[in-house]
């Protein structure tokens, strides 16, 4: 039976997701470009969201490739060499992320704010807008490159002129769809499809143009599309590098793989292009006329746009952190085991093989320490999510500062989860493997490491938003009598 790590299956699903999101992002960007007009555009935020999502998926693919491919390649084939498809997927992820970011910040400037002074409402002119075509063009380019990579039959090239794509196999006689495909291709397929969908959504939303806070959506979609594409290419590279033809030098990465690698950077660049050139408008009004000199405190350049972004991020990150920790704590894929009896997966609490799981008894000291720290991290990560609920925040707000408590507990969750991951890694390194059992870290272990900076970023972002909100109070001069 062919041993397929769980992270390979996950990467395949992420690839399909990235392809789908990239397609949606391109559709949204195109829709926004065709129907763009002055003022508010409700589609732009969705285009940015899908562009960021596509770029994120592609970027994750490339990161996984670096994590798994480099050690395998250096041990089996000597000096590692990245091929063109790898760099093309990285480029696509960057473009999606850049396009999503550009569209995100463009949407912040779509409508100037209003300041009410007494009974007079004065409209403050907003900063000049970034040309909306930049993020859209990058997202469209990333989606087109991704389409070319998906249809390519040259992700792997053999010395006899044969080519192997995600869905087709090409020989000098022609191309055909094989009856079966290697297991490691399933996750890249799913992730790339998701990236394409997110990229199309980013394109359509950025073209439409959205006001705050929906303006975050196009850049977010491009970012996610880029990361999805990068993760997909990384998973594909890791899976292909472990096959016998690749290790023996019979096949190598081809142009299709290089195209897939370029998708990630393209979407990342698209996400970033949507978040540039945010400026601060005038801060005060006096008698219906702008009078910045009479302002007691004025936020710095771009403070309004950054505050909207920080407020949005500080609500999303706690939920994402808790979801990652819940997935990691209950997943059995911390260690991948392979023997003559077949593959197995080991987690903190159970050992799974052939679709059945066996609960583990209390283990050695370091393993129990890792379990306890993970439970503490889950409890600490649950508190910020609970504080997001209005009734809970109002009830406990009578006794202490709920917002500050949520930020501190997020930081605690990040530090404790980091200690839990380190304890498990130390236990695994000190436990000698059986001579007949091969083992390696699984997808849950690496996802657990990713949850640590997510929790820390959640707490730091909340503290930054709290400080910025406190320092950005605008005091307006009263109208003349």
Protein backbone atom coordinates (compact mmCIF):
# COMPACT_ATOMS: atom_id res chain seq x y z
CA UNK A 1 0.00 0.00 0.00
CA UNK A 2 1.33 3.40 -0.96
CA UNK A 3 2.05 5.49 2.12
CA UNK A 4 0.65 8.97 1.72
CA UNK A 5 1.24 11.47 4.55
CA UNK A 6 -1.81 13.32 5.76
CA UNK A 7 -0.25 16.67 4.93
CA UNK A 8 -0.14 15.59 1.29
CA UNK A 9 -3.88 15.03 1.26
CA UNK A 10 -4.40 18.35 2.99
CA UNK A 11 -2.18 20.11 0.49
CA UNK A 12 -4.17 18.68 -2.39
CA UNK A 13 -7.38 20.03 -0.95
CA UNK A 14 -5.74 23.41 -0.43
CA UNK A 15 -4.62 23.41 -4.05
CA UNK A 16 -8.15 22.86 -5.28
CA UNK A 17 -9.37 25.54 -2.89
CA UNK A 18 -6.74 27.96 -4.15
CA UNK A 19 -7.74 27.32 -7.75
CA UNK A 20 -11.40 27.92 -6.97
CA UNK A 21 -10.72 31.09 -5.01
CA UNK A 22 -8.41 32.37 -7.72
CA UNK A 23 -11.10 31.88 -10.35
CA UNK A 24 -13.62 33.67 -8.17
CA UNK A 25 -11.15 36.48 -7.54
CA UNK A 26 -10.55 36.98 -11.24
CA UNK A 27 -14.27 37.01 -11.90
CA UNK A 28 -14.86 39.60 -9.21
CA UNK A 29 -11.96 41.77 -10.33
CA UNK A 30 -13.17 41.63 -13.91
CA UNK A 31 -16.71 42.48 -12.81
CA UNK A 32 -15.43 45.42 -10.82
CA UNK A 33 -13.28 46.66 -13.69
CA UNK A 34 -16.15 46.47 -16.16
CA UNK A 35 -18.63 48.07 -13.78
CA UNK A 36 -16.28 50.41 -11.92
CA UNK A 37 -17.61 53.85 -11.19
CA UNK A 38 -16.92 56.78 -8.93
CA UNK A 39 -18.00 56.20 -5.37
CA UNK A 40 -18.79 52.99 -3.55
CA UNK A 41 -18.38 49.62 -5.23
CA UNK A 42 -19.75 46.68 -3.20
CA UNK A 43 -17.81 44.03 -5.15
CA UNK A 44 -14.29 45.36 -4.52
CA UNK A 45 -13.99 44.08 -0.92
CA UNK A 46 -14.86 40.56 -2.02
CA UNK A 47 -12.32 40.70 -4.84
CA UNK A 48 -9.62 41.77 -2.39
CA UNK A 49 -10.63 39.05 0.05
CA UNK A 50 -10.42 36.27 -2.51
CA UNK A 51 -7.18 37.65 -3.93
CA UNK A 52 -5.59 37.62 -0.50
CA UNK A 53 -6.96 34.16 0.18
CA UNK A 54 -5.59 32.83 -3.10
CA UNK A 55 -2.20 34.37 -2.46
CA UNK A 56 -2.17 32.96 1.05
CA UNK A 57 -2.87 29.45 -0.15
CA UNK A 58 -0.20 29.66 -2.83
CA UNK A 59 2.33 31.05 -0.38
CA UNK A 60 1.58 28.26 2.06
CA UNK A 61 2.23 25.78 -0.72
CA UNK A 62 5.68 27.18 -1.41
CA UNK A 63 6.51 27.24 2.28
CA UNK A 64 5.58 23.59 2.64
CA UNK A 65 7.70 22.85 -0.38
CA UNK A 66 10.68 24.48 1.27
CA UNK A 67 10.08 22.62 4.52
CA UNK A 68 9.87 19.14 3.01
CA UNK A 69 11.63 19.30 -0.34
CA UNK A 70 14.92 20.83 0.76
CA UNK A 71 15.81 18.13 3.34
CA UNK A 72 14.75 15.30 1.03
CA UNK A 73 16.53 16.75 -1.97
CA UNK A 74 19.72 17.53 -0.09
CA UNK A 75 19.94 13.99 1.31
CA UNK A 76 18.99 12.06 -1.80
CA UNK A 77 20.09 14.26 -4.69
CA UNK A 78 22.78 16.53 -3.32
CA UNK A 79 22.49 20.30 -3.70
CA UNK A 80 18.79 21.31 -3.96
CA UNK A 81 17.69 23.14 -7.09
CA UNK A 82 14.39 24.91 -7.56
CA UNK A 83 12.86 24.76 -11.01
CA UNK A 84 10.85 27.30 -12.94
CA UNK A 85 7.37 26.08 -11.92
CA UNK A 86 8.29 26.54 -8.27
CA UNK A 87 9.29 30.17 -8.78
CA UNK A 88 6.23 30.77 -10.94
CA UNK A 89 3.91 29.61 -8.20
CA UNK A 90 5.69 31.83 -5.73
CA UNK A 91 5.22 34.72 -8.13
CA UNK A 92 1.52 33.94 -8.50
CA UNK A 93 1.06 33.88 -4.73
CA UNK A 94 2.85 37.22 -4.41
CA UNK A 95 0.72 38.75 -7.14
CA UNK A 96 -2.51 37.60 -5.54
CA UNK A 97 -1.44 38.93 -2.16
CA UNK A 98 -0.25 42.22 -3.63
CA UNK A 99 -3.44 42.65 -5.64
CA UNK A 100 -5.59 41.92 -2.63
CA UNK A 101 -3.67 44.36 -0.46
CA UNK A 102 -3.85 47.07 -3.10
CA UNK A 103 -7.58 46.62 -3.54
CA UNK A 104 -8.02 46.61 0.21
CA UNK A 105 -6.40 49.99 0.73
CA UNK A 106 -7.98 51.38 -2.41
CA UNK A 107 -11.38 50.63 -0.96
CA UNK A 108 -10.43 52.50 2.22
CA UNK A 109 -10.12 55.64 0.15
CA UNK A 110 -13.28 55.15 -1.88
CA UNK A 111 -15.33 57.47 0.32
CA UNK A 112 -14.14 60.43 2.36
CA UNK A 113 -15.26 60.59 6.01
CA UNK A 114 -17.80 63.01 7.40
CA UNK A 115 -17.26 65.03 10.57
CA UNK A 116 -20.21 66.59 12.34
CA UNK A 117 -19.51 69.90 14.08
CA UNK A 118 -22.50 71.05 16.03
CA UNK A 119 -25.38 70.89 13.55
CA UNK A 120 -23.15 71.20 10.50
CA UNK A 121 -21.88 68.08 8.72
CA UNK A 122 -18.72 68.77 6.78
CA UNK A 123 -17.33 66.33 4.28
CA UNK A 124 -13.56 66.00 4.56
CA UNK A 125 -11.85 65.33 1.27
CA UNK A 126 -10.12 61.98 1.24
CA UNK A 127 -6.64 61.19 -0.04
CA UNK A 128 -5.96 60.55 -3.71
CA UNK A 129 -6.83 57.02 -4.74
CA UNK A 130 -4.37 54.44 -5.96
CA UNK A 131 -5.06 53.49 -9.57
CA UNK A 132 -7.44 50.54 -9.15
CA UNK A 133 -6.10 48.83 -12.25
CA UNK A 134 -2.81 47.80 -10.62
CA UNK A 135 -4.20 45.29 -8.16
CA UNK A 136 -6.73 44.06 -10.70
CA UNK A 137 -4.12 43.53 -13.39
CA UNK A 138 -1.88 41.59 -11.02
CA UNK A 139 -4.76 39.41 -9.87
CA UNK A 140 -5.83 38.78 -13.45
CA UNK A 141 -2.26 37.93 -14.42
CA UNK A 142 -1.95 35.55 -11.49
CA UNK A 143 -5.19 33.81 -12.44
CA UNK A 144 -4.09 33.46 -16.06
CA UNK A 145 -0.76 32.00 -15.01
CA UNK A 146 -2.56 29.63 -12.68
CA UNK A 147 -4.85 28.50 -15.49
CA UNK A 148 -1.80 27.79 -17.61
CA UNK A 149 -0.21 25.81 -14.80
CA UNK A 150 -3.37 23.78 -14.22
CA UNK A 151 -3.64 22.86 -17.88
CA UNK A 152 0.03 22.10 -18.29
CA UNK A 153 1.16 18.52 -18.74
CA UNK A 154 4.76 19.32 -17.84
CA UNK A 155 4.82 19.60 -14.06
CA UNK A 156 7.28 16.72 -14.17
CA UNK A 157 9.50 15.95 -17.15
CA UNK A 158 11.16 12.64 -17.95
CA UNK A 159 14.30 12.00 -19.89
CA UNK A 160 12.31 10.17 -22.59
CA UNK A 161 10.28 13.30 -23.41
CA UNK A 162 7.27 12.31 -21.30
CA UNK A 163 5.50 14.92 -19.18
CA UNK A 164 3.31 14.53 -16.13
CA UNK A 165 0.74 17.16 -15.17
CA UNK A 166 -1.85 17.40 -12.44
CA UNK A 167 -4.54 15.85 -14.63
CA UNK A 168 -2.86 14.63 -17.82
CA UNK A 169 0.18 12.64 -18.91
CA UNK A 170 1.90 13.63 -22.15
CA UNK A 171 4.14 11.51 -24.33
CA UNK A 172 5.58 12.14 -27.81
CA UNK A 173 2.44 10.47 -29.14
CA UNK A 174 0.02 12.80 -27.37
CA UNK A 175 -1.62 13.62 -24.04
CA UNK A 176 -4.25 11.65 -22.14
CA UNK A 177 -5.79 11.53 -18.71
CA UNK A 178 -4.41 8.61 -16.68
CA UNK A 179 -6.88 6.22 -15.01
CA UNK A 180 -5.23 6.82 -11.64
CA UNK A 181 -3.04 9.55 -10.21
CA UNK A 182 -0.49 9.55 -7.39
CA UNK A 183 -1.94 10.37 -4.01
CA UNK A 184 0.36 13.35 -3.53
CA UNK A 185 -1.37 15.18 -6.43
CA UNK A 186 -4.79 15.34 -4.79
CA UNK A 187 -3.98 18.13 -2.34
CA UNK A 188 -2.20 20.37 -4.90
CA UNK A 189 -5.16 20.01 -7.22
CA UNK A 190 -7.59 21.15 -4.56
CA UNK A 191 -5.40 24.01 -3.37
CA UNK A 192 -4.74 25.33 -6.86
CA UNK A 193 -8.43 25.24 -7.70
CA UNK A 194 -9.13 27.15 -4.51
CA UNK A 195 -6.41 29.64 -5.39
CA UNK A 196 -7.93 30.19 -8.81
CA UNK A 197 -11.35 30.77 -7.32
CA UNK A 198 -10.01 33.25 -4.79
CA UNK A 199 -8.06 35.07 -7.48
CA UNK A 200 -11.14 35.48 -9.63
CA UNK A 201 -13.13 36.71 -6.65
CA UNK A 202 -10.39 39.23 -5.90
CA UNK A 203 -10.45 40.46 -9.50
CA UNK A 204 -14.21 40.87 -9.52
CA UNK A 205 -14.40 42.56 -6.12
CA UNK A 206 -11.54 44.94 -6.82
CA UNK A 207 -13.12 45.93 -10.11
CA UNK A 208 -16.41 46.67 -8.40
CA UNK A 209 -14.89 48.71 -5.60
CA UNK A 210 -16.19 48.52 -2.02
CA UNK A 211 -16.36 50.86 0.91
CA UNK A 212 -15.13 50.16 4.41
CA UNK A 213 -15.00 47.59 5.88
CA UNK A 214 -15.87 45.48 2.84
CA UNK A 215 -12.81 46.91 1.12
CA UNK A 216 -10.71 44.34 2.94
CA UNK A 217 -12.23 41.49 0.98
CA UNK A 218 -10.45 41.80 -2.41
CA UNK A 219 -6.98 42.05 -0.92
CA UNK A 220 -7.75 39.26 1.52
CA UNK A 221 -8.89 37.03 -1.31
CA UNK A 222 -5.72 37.73 -3.29
CA UNK A 223 -3.59 37.03 -0.24
CA UNK A 224 -5.36 33.74 0.40
CA UNK A 225 -5.08 32.79 -3.26
CA UNK A 226 -1.34 33.36 -3.25
CA UNK A 227 -0.79 31.38 -0.08
CA UNK A 228 -2.96 28.55 -1.37
CA UNK A 229 -0.99 28.32 -4.60
CA UNK A 230 2.31 28.35 -2.74
CA UNK A 231 1.18 25.60 -0.39
CA UNK A 232 -0.04 23.54 -3.34
CA UNK A 233 3.27 23.74 -5.16
CA UNK A 234 5.16 22.94 -1.98
CA UNK A 235 3.03 19.85 -1.38
CA UNK A 236 3.45 18.75 -4.98
CA UNK A 237 7.21 19.20 -4.82
CA UNK A 238 7.46 17.30 -1.56
CA UNK A 239 5.35 14.44 -2.85
CA UNK A 240 7.17 14.22 -6.17
CA UNK A 241 10.59 14.40 -4.52
CA UNK A 242 9.79 11.30 -2.49
CA UNK A 243 8.98 9.13 -5.50
CA UNK A 244 11.49 6.62 -6.82
CA UNK A 245 11.76 8.05 -10.38
CA UNK A 246 12.55 11.49 -9.00
CA UNK A 247 15.13 10.32 -6.48
CA UNK A 248 16.90 8.33 -9.20
CA UNK A 249 16.97 11.31 -11.53
CA UNK A 250 14.60 9.87 -14.14
CA UNK A 251 12.22 12.83 -13.91
CA UNK A 252 12.51 16.47 -12.85
CA UNK A 253 10.33 19.54 -12.47
CA UNK A 254 9.04 21.00 -15.72
CA UNK A 255 7.56 24.29 -17.01
CA UNK A 256 4.13 23.60 -15.53
CA UNK A 257 5.58 23.46 -12.04
CA UNK A 258 7.40 26.73 -12.66
CA UNK A 259 4.13 28.35 -13.72
CA UNK A 260 2.45 27.11 -10.57
CA UNK A 261 5.24 28.54 -8.45
CA UNK A 262 4.85 31.95 -10.13
CA UNK A 263 1.16 32.12 -9.21
CA UNK A 264 1.79 32.67 -5.50
CA UNK A 265 3.98 35.79 -5.81
CA UNK A 266 1.63 37.24 -8.42
CA UNK A 267 -1.36 37.02 -6.10
CA UNK A 268 0.69 38.30 -3.18
CA UNK A 269 1.74 41.32 -5.21
CA UNK A 270 -1.88 41.85 -6.20
CA UNK A 271 -2.89 41.84 -2.55
CA UNK A 272 -0.17 44.31 -1.65
CA UNK A 273 -0.97 46.64 -4.54
CA UNK A 274 -4.48 47.13 -3.15
CA UNK A 275 -3.14 48.45 0.17
CA UNK A 276 -0.79 51.26 -0.86
CA UNK A 277 -0.75 55.03 -0.58
CA UNK A 278 -3.16 55.57 2.27
CA UNK A 279 -3.06 59.13 3.57
CA UNK A 280 -4.68 61.01 6.40
CA UNK A 281 -7.29 63.67 5.63
CA UNK A 282 -7.74 66.89 7.54
CA UNK A 283 -8.85 66.36 11.10
CA UNK A 284 -10.97 69.25 12.26
CA UNK A 285 -13.64 71.62 11.11
CA UNK A 286 -14.37 75.07 12.42
CA UNK A 287 -17.64 76.63 11.43
CA UNK A 288 -18.02 74.37 8.43
CA UNK A 289 -14.51 75.07 7.11
CA UNK A 290 -11.52 72.80 7.44
CA UNK A 291 -9.08 73.99 10.06
CA UNK A 292 -6.38 71.42 10.78
CA UNK A 293 -4.51 73.89 12.99
CA UNK A 294 -7.27 73.76 15.61
CA UNK A 295 -7.05 70.00 16.09
CA UNK A 296 -5.94 68.83 19.53
CA UNK A 297 -4.95 65.40 18.28
CA UNK A 298 -4.82 64.11 14.76
CA UNK A 299 -4.03 60.59 13.60
CA UNK A 300 -0.94 60.21 11.47
CA UNK A 301 -0.94 59.61 7.74
CA UNK A 302 -3.08 56.66 6.84
CA UNK A 303 -4.31 56.23 10.43
CA UNK A 304 -7.96 55.87 9.41
CA UNK A 305 -7.28 53.10 6.93
CA UNK A 306 -4.92 51.31 9.29
CA UNK A 307 -7.43 51.50 12.12
CA UNK A 308 -10.11 49.85 10.02
CA UNK A 309 -7.65 47.12 9.09
CA UNK A 310 -6.53 46.63 12.69
CA UNK A 311 -10.09 46.48 13.96
CA UNK A 312 -10.92 43.85 11.37
CA UNK A 313 -7.78 41.80 11.99
CA UNK A 314 -8.11 41.81 15.77
CA UNK A 315 -11.54 40.20 15.45
CA UNK A 316 -10.49 37.58 12.89
CA UNK A 317 -7.20 36.46 14.43
CA UNK A 318 -8.61 35.21 17.77
CA UNK A 319 -11.12 33.00 15.97
CA UNK A 320 -8.44 31.73 13.59
CA UNK A 321 -6.05 31.02 16.47
CA UNK A 322 -8.64 29.03 18.39
CA UNK A 323 -9.61 27.07 15.28
CA UNK A 324 -5.99 26.14 14.60
CA UNK A 325 -5.38 25.04 18.17
CA UNK A 326 -8.55 22.95 18.24
CA UNK A 327 -7.59 21.27 14.99
CA UNK A 328 -4.04 20.61 16.13
CA UNK A 329 -4.93 19.36 19.60
CA UNK A 330 -7.32 16.71 18.35
CA UNK A 331 -5.49 15.70 15.17
CA UNK A 332 -3.55 12.42 15.09
CA UNK A 333 -1.07 13.62 12.50
CA UNK A 334 1.71 14.84 14.78
CA UNK A 335 3.96 11.95 13.77
CA UNK A 336 3.69 9.82 10.63
CA UNK A 337 4.69 6.19 11.09
CA UNK A 338 5.35 3.64 8.38
CA UNK A 339 6.13 -0.05 8.71
CA UNK A 340 5.45 -3.32 6.95
CA UNK A 341 1.99 -3.34 8.49
CA UNK A 342 1.10 -0.05 6.80
CA UNK A 343 0.97 3.65 7.67
CA UNK A 344 -0.13 5.07 11.00
CA UNK A 345 -0.50 8.49 12.58
CA UNK A 346 0.36 9.45 16.15
CA UNK A 347 -1.19 12.40 17.98
CA UNK A 348 -1.19 13.73 21.50
CA UNK A 349 -4.03 11.49 22.57
CA UNK A 350 -4.41 8.63 20.07
CA UNK A 351 -2.68 6.36 17.57
CA UNK A 352 -4.62 5.86 14.33
CA UNK A 353 -4.15 3.22 11.63
CA UNK A 354 -6.47 1.68 9.02
CA UNK A 355 -9.30 4.03 9.93
CA UNK A 356 -9.31 3.10 13.64
CA UNK A 357 -7.81 5.00 16.56
CA UNK A 358 -6.48 3.72 19.88
CA UNK A 359 -6.41 6.06 22.85
CA UNK A 360 -2.94 6.45 24.32
CA UNK A 361 -2.38 5.99 28.05
CA UNK A 362 -0.46 8.58 30.08
CA UNK A 363 2.97 8.70 28.52
CA UNK A 364 6.44 9.92 29.39
CA UNK A 365 6.98 13.19 31.17
CA UNK A 366 7.56 15.42 28.17
CA UNK A 367 4.56 14.05 26.31
CA UNK A 368 2.32 14.70 29.30
CA UNK A 369 3.81 18.18 29.62
CA UNK A 370 2.97 18.87 25.99
CA UNK A 371 -0.60 17.67 26.55
CA UNK A 372 -1.08 19.87 29.58
CA UNK A 373 0.40 22.93 27.91
CA UNK A 374 -1.82 22.42 24.87
CA UNK A 375 -4.91 22.33 27.10
CA UNK A 376 -3.81 25.54 28.82
CA UNK A 377 -3.23 27.14 25.43
CA UNK A 378 -6.72 26.13 24.29
CA UNK A 379 -8.26 27.67 27.40
CA UNK A 380 -6.29 30.89 26.95
CA UNK A 381 -7.22 31.09 23.26
CA UNK A 382 -10.90 30.57 24.06
CA UNK A 383 -11.07 33.67 26.26
CA UNK A 384 -10.46 36.24 23.44
CA UNK A 385 -13.14 34.59 21.31
CA UNK A 386 -15.54 34.70 24.24
CA UNK A 387 -14.78 38.39 24.73
CA UNK A 388 -15.91 39.09 21.17
CA UNK A 389 -19.48 38.26 22.18
CA UNK A 390 -21.36 41.41 23.09
CA UNK A 391 -23.30 40.17 26.14
CA UNK A 392 -20.21 38.53 27.63
CA UNK A 393 -18.09 41.64 27.09
CA UNK A 394 -20.73 43.89 28.67
CA UNK A 395 -21.15 41.62 31.69
CA UNK A 396 -17.46 41.21 32.51
CA UNK A 397 -16.72 44.80 31.49
CA UNK A 398 -18.18 45.90 34.81
CA UNK A 399 -15.33 44.21 36.66
CA UNK A 400 -12.23 44.59 34.46
CA UNK A 401 -11.04 45.73 31.04
CA UNK A 402 -12.28 42.96 28.77
CA UNK A 403 -10.32 44.06 25.70
CA UNK A 404 -7.00 44.17 27.52
CA UNK A 405 -7.68 40.78 29.09
CA UNK A 406 -8.35 39.25 25.67
CA UNK A 407 -5.10 40.64 24.26
CA UNK A 408 -3.06 39.36 27.18
CA UNK A 409 -4.63 35.90 27.05
CA UNK A 410 -3.88 35.74 23.31
CA UNK A 411 -0.22 36.39 24.05
CA UNK A 412 -0.30 33.77 26.80
CA UNK A 413 -1.86 31.26 24.41
CA UNK A 414 0.90 31.88 21.88
CA UNK A 415 3.69 31.44 24.41
CA UNK A 416 2.14 28.34 25.99
CA UNK A 417 1.47 26.72 22.62
CA UNK A 418 5.08 27.40 21.67
CA UNK A 419 6.20 25.58 24.81
CA UNK A 420 3.84 22.71 24.04
CA UNK A 421 5.25 22.28 20.54
CA UNK A 422 8.79 22.44 21.86
CA UNK A 423 8.04 19.82 24.51
CA UNK A 424 6.61 17.44 21.93
CA UNK A 425 9.55 17.96 19.59
CA UNK A 426 11.97 17.30 22.44
CA UNK A 427 10.08 14.14 23.42
CA UNK A 428 10.12 12.89 19.82
CA UNK A 429 13.84 13.57 19.47
CA UNK A 430 14.64 11.74 22.71
CA UNK A 431 12.47 8.72 21.91
CA UNK A 432 14.48 6.32 19.73
CA UNK A 433 12.43 4.92 16.83
CA UNK A 434 11.94 1.23 16.25
CA UNK A 435 14.38 -0.10 13.63
CA UNK A 436 11.48 -1.42 11.51
CA UNK A 437 9.36 1.74 11.79
CA UNK A 438 10.06 4.90 9.82
CA UNK A 439 8.67 8.09 11.24
CA UNK A 440 8.46 11.77 10.35
CA UNK A 441 6.62 14.84 11.57
CA UNK A 442 3.10 15.17 10.19
CA UNK A 443 0.93 18.04 9.06
CA UNK A 444 -0.56 18.63 12.53
CA UNK A 445 2.89 19.22 13.99
CA UNK A 446 3.70 21.94 11.46
CA UNK A 447 0.23 23.43 11.77
CA UNK A 448 0.77 23.59 15.51
CA UNK A 449 3.90 25.64 14.98
CA UNK A 450 1.86 27.96 12.74
CA UNK A 451 -0.72 28.47 15.50
CA UNK A 452 1.93 29.91 17.83
CA UNK A 453 2.68 33.09 15.82
CA UNK A 454 -1.02 33.40 15.03
CA UNK A 455 -1.87 33.69 18.72
CA UNK A 456 1.00 36.08 19.33
CA UNK A 457 0.01 38.19 16.34
CA UNK A 458 -3.57 38.29 17.61
CA UNK A 459 -2.49 39.70 20.94
CA UNK A 460 0.00 42.18 19.50
CA UNK A 461 -2.49 43.39 16.90
CA UNK A 462 -5.08 43.96 19.59
CA UNK A 463 -2.63 45.95 21.69
CA UNK A 464 -1.62 48.04 18.68
CA UNK A 465 -5.25 48.70 17.78
CA UNK A 466 -6.05 49.62 21.39
CA UNK A 467 -3.16 52.05 21.54
CA UNK A 468 -3.91 53.55 18.14
CA UNK A 469 -7.56 54.00 19.02
CA UNK A 470 -6.64 55.77 22.24
CA UNK A 471 -4.18 58.05 20.45
CA UNK A 472 -6.41 58.91 17.48
CA UNK A 473 -9.19 60.85 19.24
CA UNK A 474 -10.13 63.82 17.11
CA UNK A 475 -11.18 66.91 19.03
CA UNK A 476 -13.07 69.38 16.89
CA UNK A 477 -13.29 73.07 17.56
CA UNK A 478 -16.87 74.19 18.19
CA UNK A 479 -18.52 76.36 15.56
CA UNK A 480 -18.29 80.09 16.14
CA UNK A 481 -21.20 81.64 17.99
